[in-house]
């Protein structure tokens, strides 16, 4: 995890996101490729927005809105 001053980075790389979720690197990349874990690609670099990951986890188990 990258810190800037007293603030955490706004994005995580895929292995960092996997560590936070207790997932293997391969599983995390697979879920990113499937669109299950939200991500942004900057050239060759793939990052997971911290806020989107938190929202994904907060909505887990809730019924989807129609």
PDB file of N, CA and C in Angstrom:
ATOM      1  N   UNK A   1       0.852  -1.160   0.000  1.00  0.00           N
ATOM      2  CA  UNK A   1       0.000   0.000   0.000  1.00  0.00           C
ATOM      3  C   UNK A   1       0.901   1.227   0.000  1.00  0.00           C
ATOM      4  N   UNK A   2       0.541   2.212  -0.776  1.00  0.00           N
ATOM      5  CA  UNK A   2       1.352   3.411  -0.911  1.00  0.00           C
ATOM      6  C   UNK A   2       0.710   4.530  -0.107  1.00  0.00           C
ATOM      7  N   UNK A   3       1.523   5.232   0.666  1.00  0.00           N
ATOM      8  CA  UNK A   3       1.048   6.370   1.434  1.00  0.00           C
ATOM      9  C   UNK A   3       1.704   7.634   0.915  1.00  0.00           C
ATOM     10  N   UNK A   4       0.946   8.691   0.827  1.00  0.00           N
ATOM     11  CA  UNK A   4       1.461   9.992   0.442  1.00  0.00           C
ATOM     12  C   UNK A   4       1.179  10.939   1.589  1.00  0.00           C
ATOM     13  N   UNK A   5       2.221  11.276   2.347  1.00  0.00           N
ATOM     14  CA  UNK A   5       2.017  12.089   3.540  1.00  0.00           C
ATOM     15  C   UNK A   5       1.204  11.286   4.527  1.00  0.00           C
ATOM     16  N   UNK A   6       0.092  11.821   4.960  1.00  0.00           N
ATOM     17  CA  UNK A   6      -0.799  11.113   5.884  1.00  0.00           C
ATOM     18  C   UNK A   6      -1.927  10.399   5.150  1.00  0.00           C
ATOM     19  N   UNK A   7      -1.936  10.476   3.822  1.00  0.00           N
ATOM     20  CA  UNK A   7      -3.039   9.897   3.054  1.00  0.00           C
ATOM     21  C   UNK A   7      -2.609   8.616   2.363  1.00  0.00           C
ATOM     22  N   UNK A   8      -3.562   7.695   2.251  1.00  0.00           N
ATOM     23  CA  UNK A   8      -3.322   6.473   1.495  1.00  0.00           C
ATOM     24  C   UNK A   8      -3.514   6.779   0.016  1.00  0.00           C
ATOM     25  N   UNK A   9      -2.901   5.963  -0.828  1.00  0.00           N
ATOM     26  CA  UNK A   9      -3.059   6.103  -2.263  1.00  0.00           C
ATOM     27  C   UNK A   9      -4.525   5.900  -2.649  1.00  0.00           C
ATOM     28  N   UNK A  10      -4.967   6.587  -3.682  1.00  0.00           N
ATOM     29  CA  UNK A  10      -6.343   6.445  -4.167  1.00  0.00           C
ATOM     30  C   UNK A  10      -6.560   5.137  -4.903  1.00  0.00           C
ATOM     31  N   UNK A  11      -5.464   4.516  -5.357  1.00  0.00           N
ATOM     32  CA  UNK A  11      -5.572   3.268  -6.103  1.00  0.00           C
ATOM     33  C   UNK A  11      -4.632   2.221  -5.519  1.00  0.00           C
ATOM     34  N   UNK A  12      -4.967   0.967  -5.800  1.00  0.00           N
ATOM     35  CA  UNK A  12      -4.143  -0.172  -5.416  1.00  0.00           C
ATOM     36  C   UNK A  12      -3.728  -0.885  -6.684  1.00  0.00           C
ATOM     37  N   UNK A  13      -2.547  -1.486  -6.692  1.00  0.00           N
ATOM     38  CA  UNK A  13      -2.258  -2.355  -7.828  1.00  0.00           C
ATOM     39  C   UNK A  13      -2.975  -3.679  -7.569  1.00  0.00           C
ATOM     40  N   UNK A  14      -3.041  -4.519  -8.565  1.00  0.00           N
ATOM     41  CA  UNK A  14      -3.839  -5.749  -8.459  1.00  0.00           C
ATOM     42  C   UNK A  14      -3.351  -6.669  -7.327  1.00  0.00           C
ATOM     43  N   UNK A  15      -2.042  -6.905  -7.187  1.00  0.00           N
ATOM     44  CA  UNK A  15      -1.603  -7.746  -6.064  1.00  0.00           C
ATOM     45  C   UNK A  15      -1.955  -7.162  -4.690  1.00  0.00           C
ATOM     46  N   UNK A  16      -1.902  -5.822  -4.539  1.00  0.00           N
ATOM     47  CA  UNK A  16      -2.289  -5.201  -3.268  1.00  0.00           C
ATOM     48  C   UNK A  16      -3.770  -5.432  -2.979  1.00  0.00           C
ATOM     49  N   UNK A  17      -4.602  -5.275  -4.001  1.00  0.00           N
ATOM     50  CA  UNK A  17      -6.039  -5.513  -3.824  1.00  0.00           C
ATOM     51  C   UNK A  17      -6.282  -6.964  -3.431  1.00  0.00           C
ATOM     52  N   UNK A  18      -5.560  -7.877  -4.062  1.00  0.00           N
ATOM     53  CA  UNK A  18      -5.694  -9.294  -3.722  1.00  0.00           C
ATOM     54  C   UNK A  18      -5.311  -9.583  -2.281  1.00  0.00           C
ATOM     55  N   UNK A  19      -4.251  -8.953  -1.805  1.00  0.00           N
ATOM     56  CA  UNK A  19      -3.838  -9.151  -0.413  1.00  0.00           C
ATOM     57  C   UNK A  19      -4.915  -8.673   0.544  1.00  0.00           C
ATOM     58  N   UNK A  20      -5.516  -7.510   0.244  1.00  0.00           N
ATOM     59  CA  UNK A  20      -6.578  -6.998   1.102  1.00  0.00           C
ATOM     60  C   UNK A  20      -7.793  -7.923   1.120  1.00  0.00           C
ATOM     61  N   UNK A  21      -8.021  -8.619   0.009  1.00  0.00           N
ATOM     62  CA  UNK A  21      -9.169  -9.522  -0.102  1.00  0.00           C
ATOM     63  C   UNK A  21      -8.829 -10.974   0.248  1.00  0.00           C
ATOM     64  N   UNK A  22      -7.571 -11.219   0.615  1.00  0.00           N
ATOM     65  CA  UNK A  22      -7.092 -12.583   0.896  1.00  0.00           C
ATOM     66  C   UNK A  22      -7.282 -13.508  -0.301  1.00  0.00           C
ATOM     67  N   UNK A  23      -6.952 -12.989  -1.482  1.00  0.00           N
ATOM     68  CA  UNK A  23      -7.038 -13.762  -2.716  1.00  0.00           C
ATOM     69  C   UNK A  23      -5.645 -13.927  -3.301  1.00  0.00           C
ATOM     70  N   UNK A  24      -5.462 -14.978  -4.062  1.00  0.00           N
ATOM     71  CA  UNK A  24      -4.183 -15.160  -4.743  1.00  0.00           C
ATOM     72  C   UNK A  24      -4.059 -14.138  -5.863  1.00  0.00           C
ATOM     73  N   UNK A  25      -2.841 -13.941  -6.299  1.00  0.00           N
ATOM     74  CA  UNK A  25      -2.576 -13.007  -7.398  1.00  0.00           C
ATOM     75  C   UNK A  25      -3.339 -13.440  -8.653  1.00  0.00           C
ATOM     76  N   UNK A  26      -3.287 -14.727  -8.965  1.00  0.00           N
ATOM     77  CA  UNK A  26      -3.955 -15.235 -10.177  1.00  0.00           C
ATOM     78  C   UNK A  26      -5.469 -15.039 -10.099  1.00  0.00           C
ATOM     79  N   UNK A  27      -6.055 -15.334  -8.957  1.00  0.00           N
ATOM     80  CA  UNK A  27      -7.500 -15.172  -8.785  1.00  0.00           C
ATOM     81  C   UNK A  27      -7.891 -13.707  -8.902  1.00  0.00           C
ATOM     82  N   UNK A  28      -7.092 -12.831  -8.312  1.00  0.00           N
ATOM     83  CA  UNK A  28      -7.388 -11.400  -8.362  1.00  0.00           C
ATOM     84  C   UNK A  28      -7.352 -10.900  -9.799  1.00  0.00           C
ATOM     85  N   UNK A  29      -6.306 -11.282 -10.556  1.00  0.00           N
ATOM     86  CA  UNK A  29      -6.243 -10.871 -11.964  1.00  0.00           C
ATOM     87  C   UNK A  29      -7.427 -11.445 -12.750  1.00  0.00           C
ATOM     88  N   UNK A  30      -7.824 -12.670 -12.471  1.00  0.00           N
ATOM     89  CA  UNK A  30      -8.965 -13.266 -13.171  1.00  0.00           C
ATOM     90  C   UNK A  30     -10.245 -12.474 -12.883  1.00  0.00           C
ATOM     91  N   UNK A  31     -10.454 -12.087 -11.628  1.00  0.00           N
ATOM     92  CA  UNK A  31     -11.651 -11.329 -11.275  1.00  0.00           C
ATOM     93  C   UNK A  31     -11.626  -9.927 -11.878  1.00  0.00           C
ATOM     94  N   UNK A  32     -10.452  -9.339 -11.988  1.00  0.00           N
ATOM     95  CA  UNK A  32     -10.318  -8.044 -12.661  1.00  0.00           C
ATOM     96  C   UNK A  32     -10.674  -8.209 -14.140  1.00  0.00           C
ATOM     97  N   UNK A  33     -10.146  -9.232 -14.783  1.00  0.00           N
ATOM     98  CA  UNK A  33     -10.422  -9.459 -16.206  1.00  0.00           C
ATOM     99  C   UNK A  33     -11.891  -9.755 -16.471  1.00  0.00           C
ATOM    100  N   UNK A  34     -12.575 -10.383 -15.508  1.00  0.00           N
ATOM    101  CA  UNK A  34     -13.999 -10.679 -15.641  1.00  0.00           C
ATOM    102  C   UNK A  34     -14.879  -9.481 -15.314  1.00  0.00           C
ATOM    103  N   UNK A  35     -14.280  -8.432 -14.760  1.00  0.00           N
ATOM    104  CA  UNK A  35     -15.042  -7.246 -14.399  1.00  0.00           C
ATOM    105  C   UNK A  35     -15.673  -7.316 -13.030  1.00  0.00           C
ATOM    106  N   UNK A  36     -15.380  -8.355 -12.260  1.00  0.00           N
ATOM    107  CA  UNK A  36     -15.938  -8.494 -10.917  1.00  0.00           C
ATOM    108  C   UNK A  36     -15.303  -7.468  -9.979  1.00  0.00           C
ATOM    109  N   UNK A  37     -13.994  -7.297 -10.093  1.00  0.00           N
ATOM    110  CA  UNK A  37     -13.281  -6.274  -9.338  1.00  0.00           C
ATOM    111  C   UNK A  37     -13.080  -5.094 -10.280  1.00  0.00           C
ATOM    112  N   UNK A  38     -13.589  -3.916  -9.903  1.00  0.00           N
ATOM    113  CA  UNK A  38     -13.456  -2.757 -10.784  1.00  0.00           C
ATOM    114  C   UNK A  38     -11.997  -2.343 -10.938  1.00  0.00           C
ATOM    115  N   UNK A  39     -11.636  -1.936 -12.150  1.00  0.00           N
ATOM    116  CA  UNK A  39     -10.247  -1.564 -12.397  1.00  0.00           C
ATOM    117  C   UNK A  39     -10.166  -0.514 -13.492  1.00  0.00           C
ATOM    118  N   UNK A  40      -9.001   0.127 -13.551  1.00  0.00           N
ATOM    119  CA  UNK A  40      -8.696   1.109 -14.589  1.00  0.00           C
ATOM    120  C   UNK A  40      -7.344   0.726 -15.169  1.00  0.00           C
ATOM    121  N   UNK A  41      -7.230   0.786 -16.481  1.00  0.00           N
ATOM    122  CA  UNK A  41      -5.963   0.480 -17.138  1.00  0.00           C
ATOM    123  C   UNK A  41      -5.314   1.784 -17.597  1.00  0.00           C
ATOM    124  N   UNK A  42      -4.070   1.984 -17.183  1.00  0.00           N
ATOM    125  CA  UNK A  42      -3.242   3.103 -17.633  1.00  0.00           C
ATOM    126  C   UNK A  42      -2.102   2.501 -18.428  1.00  0.00           C
ATOM    127  N   UNK A  43      -2.260   2.416 -19.739  1.00  0.00           N
ATOM    128  CA  UNK A  43      -1.262   1.741 -20.560  1.00  0.00           C
ATOM    129  C   UNK A  43      -1.215   0.270 -20.183  1.00  0.00           C
ATOM    130  N   UNK A  44      -0.070  -0.191 -19.707  1.00  0.00           N
ATOM    131  CA  UNK A  44       0.068  -1.587 -19.281  1.00  0.00           C
ATOM    132  C   UNK A  44      -0.289  -1.783 -17.815  1.00  0.00           C
ATOM    133  N   UNK A  45      -0.405  -0.692 -17.089  1.00  0.00           N
ATOM    134  CA  UNK A  45      -0.653  -0.775 -15.649  1.00  0.00           C
ATOM    135  C   UNK A  45      -2.150  -0.868 -15.364  1.00  0.00           C
ATOM    136  N   UNK A  46      -2.521  -1.804 -14.500  1.00  0.00           N
ATOM    137  CA  UNK A  46      -3.903  -1.961 -14.072  1.00  0.00           C
ATOM    138  C   UNK A  46      -3.964  -1.580 -12.598  1.00  0.00           C
ATOM    139  N   UNK A  47      -4.905  -0.706 -12.259  1.00  0.00           N
ATOM    140  CA  UNK A  47      -5.084  -0.306 -10.869  1.00  0.00           C
ATOM    141  C   UNK A  47      -6.537  -0.500 -10.460  1.00  0.00           C
ATOM    142  N   UNK A  48      -6.724  -0.691  -9.161  1.00  0.00           N
ATOM    143  CA  UNK A  48      -8.060  -0.853  -8.593  1.00  0.00           C
ATOM    144  C   UNK A  48      -8.327   0.374  -7.727  1.00  0.00           C
ATOM    145  N   UNK A  49      -9.340   1.168  -8.063  1.00  0.00           N
ATOM    146  CA  UNK A  49      -9.654   2.326  -7.234  1.00  0.00           C
ATOM    147  C   UNK A  49     -10.090   1.876  -5.833  1.00  0.00           C
ATOM    148  N   UNK A  50      -9.451   2.436  -4.819  1.00  0.00           N
ATOM    149  CA  UNK A  50      -9.746   2.053  -3.434  1.00  0.00           C
ATOM    150  C   UNK A  50     -11.227   2.254  -3.111  1.00  0.00           C
ATOM    151  N   UNK A  51     -11.783   3.383  -3.522  1.00  0.00           N
ATOM    152  CA  UNK A  51     -13.189   3.698  -3.224  1.00  0.00           C
ATOM    153  C   UNK A  51     -14.127   2.674  -3.877  1.00  0.00           C
ATOM    154  N   UNK A  52     -13.852   2.289  -5.115  1.00  0.00           N
ATOM    155  CA  UNK A  52     -14.692   1.311  -5.813  1.00  0.00           C
ATOM    156  C   UNK A  52     -14.624  -0.048  -5.125  1.00  0.00           C
ATOM    157  N   UNK A  53     -13.442  -0.419  -4.633  1.00  0.00           N
ATOM    158  CA  UNK A  53     -13.296  -1.686  -3.921  1.00  0.00           C
ATOM    159  C   UNK A  53     -14.077  -1.648  -2.612  1.00  0.00           C
ATOM    160  N   UNK A  54     -14.002  -0.532  -1.901  1.00  0.00           N
ATOM    161  CA  UNK A  54     -14.759  -0.392  -0.650  1.00  0.00           C
ATOM    162  C   UNK A  54     -16.262  -0.464  -0.911  1.00  0.00           C
ATOM    163  N   UNK A  55     -16.724   0.176  -1.993  1.00  0.00           N
ATOM    164  CA  UNK A  55     -18.150   0.142  -2.341  1.00  0.00           C
ATOM    165  C   UNK A  55     -18.587  -1.262  -2.738  1.00  0.00           C
ATOM    166  N   UNK A  56     -17.726  -1.982  -3.450  1.00  0.00           N
ATOM    167  CA  UNK A  56     -18.030  -3.360  -3.824  1.00  0.00           C
ATOM    168  C   UNK A  56     -18.231  -4.212  -2.579  1.00  0.00           C
ATOM    169  N   UNK A  57     -17.338  -4.066  -1.615  1.00  0.00           N
ATOM    170  CA  UNK A  57     -17.435  -4.852  -0.388  1.00  0.00           C
ATOM    171  C   UNK A  57     -18.635  -4.423   0.453  1.00  0.00           C
ATOM    172  N   UNK A  58     -18.941  -3.131   0.480  1.00  0.00           N
ATOM    173  CA  UNK A  58     -20.081  -2.635   1.255  1.00  0.00           C
ATOM    174  C   UNK A  58     -21.403  -3.149   0.698  1.00  0.00           C
ATOM    175  N   UNK A  59     -21.447  -3.360  -0.618  1.00  0.00           N
ATOM    176  CA  UNK A  59     -22.696  -3.809  -1.248  1.00  0.00           C
ATOM    177  C   UNK A  59     -22.827  -5.340  -1.254  1.00  0.00           C
ATOM    178  N   UNK A  60     -21.818  -6.034  -0.801  1.00  0.00           N
ATOM    179  CA  UNK A  60     -21.871  -7.512  -0.814  1.00  0.00           C
ATOM    180  C   UNK A  60     -23.033  -8.017   0.041  1.00  0.00           C
ATOM    181  N   UNK A  61     -23.785  -8.910  -0.533  1.00  0.00           N
ATOM    182  CA  UNK A  61     -24.909  -9.511   0.187  1.00  0.00           C
ATOM    183  C   UNK A  61     -26.196  -8.729   0.089  1.00  0.00           C
ATOM    184  N   UNK A  62     -26.145  -7.539  -0.458  1.00  0.00           N
ATOM    185  CA  UNK A  62     -27.355  -6.753  -0.637  1.00  0.00           C
ATOM    186  C   UNK A  62     -28.014  -7.143  -1.945  1.00  0.00           C
ATOM    187  N   UNK A  63     -29.333  -7.164  -1.997  1.00  0.00           N
ATOM    188  CA  UNK A  63     -29.997  -7.446  -3.273  1.00  0.00           C
ATOM    189  C   UNK A  63     -29.698  -6.354  -4.286  1.00  0.00           C
ATOM    190  N   UNK A  64     -29.532  -6.747  -5.546  1.00  0.00           N
ATOM    191  CA  UNK A  64     -29.268  -5.767  -6.612  1.00  0.00           C
ATOM    192  C   UNK A  64     -30.519  -4.956  -6.886  1.00  0.00           C
ATOM    193  N   UNK A  65     -30.296  -3.678  -7.181  1.00  0.00           N
ATOM    194  CA  UNK A  65     -31.424  -2.808  -7.521  1.00  0.00           C
ATOM    195  C   UNK A  65     -31.878  -3.098  -8.941  1.00  0.00           C
ATOM    196  N   UNK A  66     -33.179  -3.032  -9.170  1.00  0.00           N
ATOM    197  CA  UNK A  66     -33.730  -3.301 -10.499  1.00  0.00           C
ATOM    198  C   UNK A  66     -33.761  -2.076 -11.348  1.00  0.00           C
TER     199      UNK A  66
END
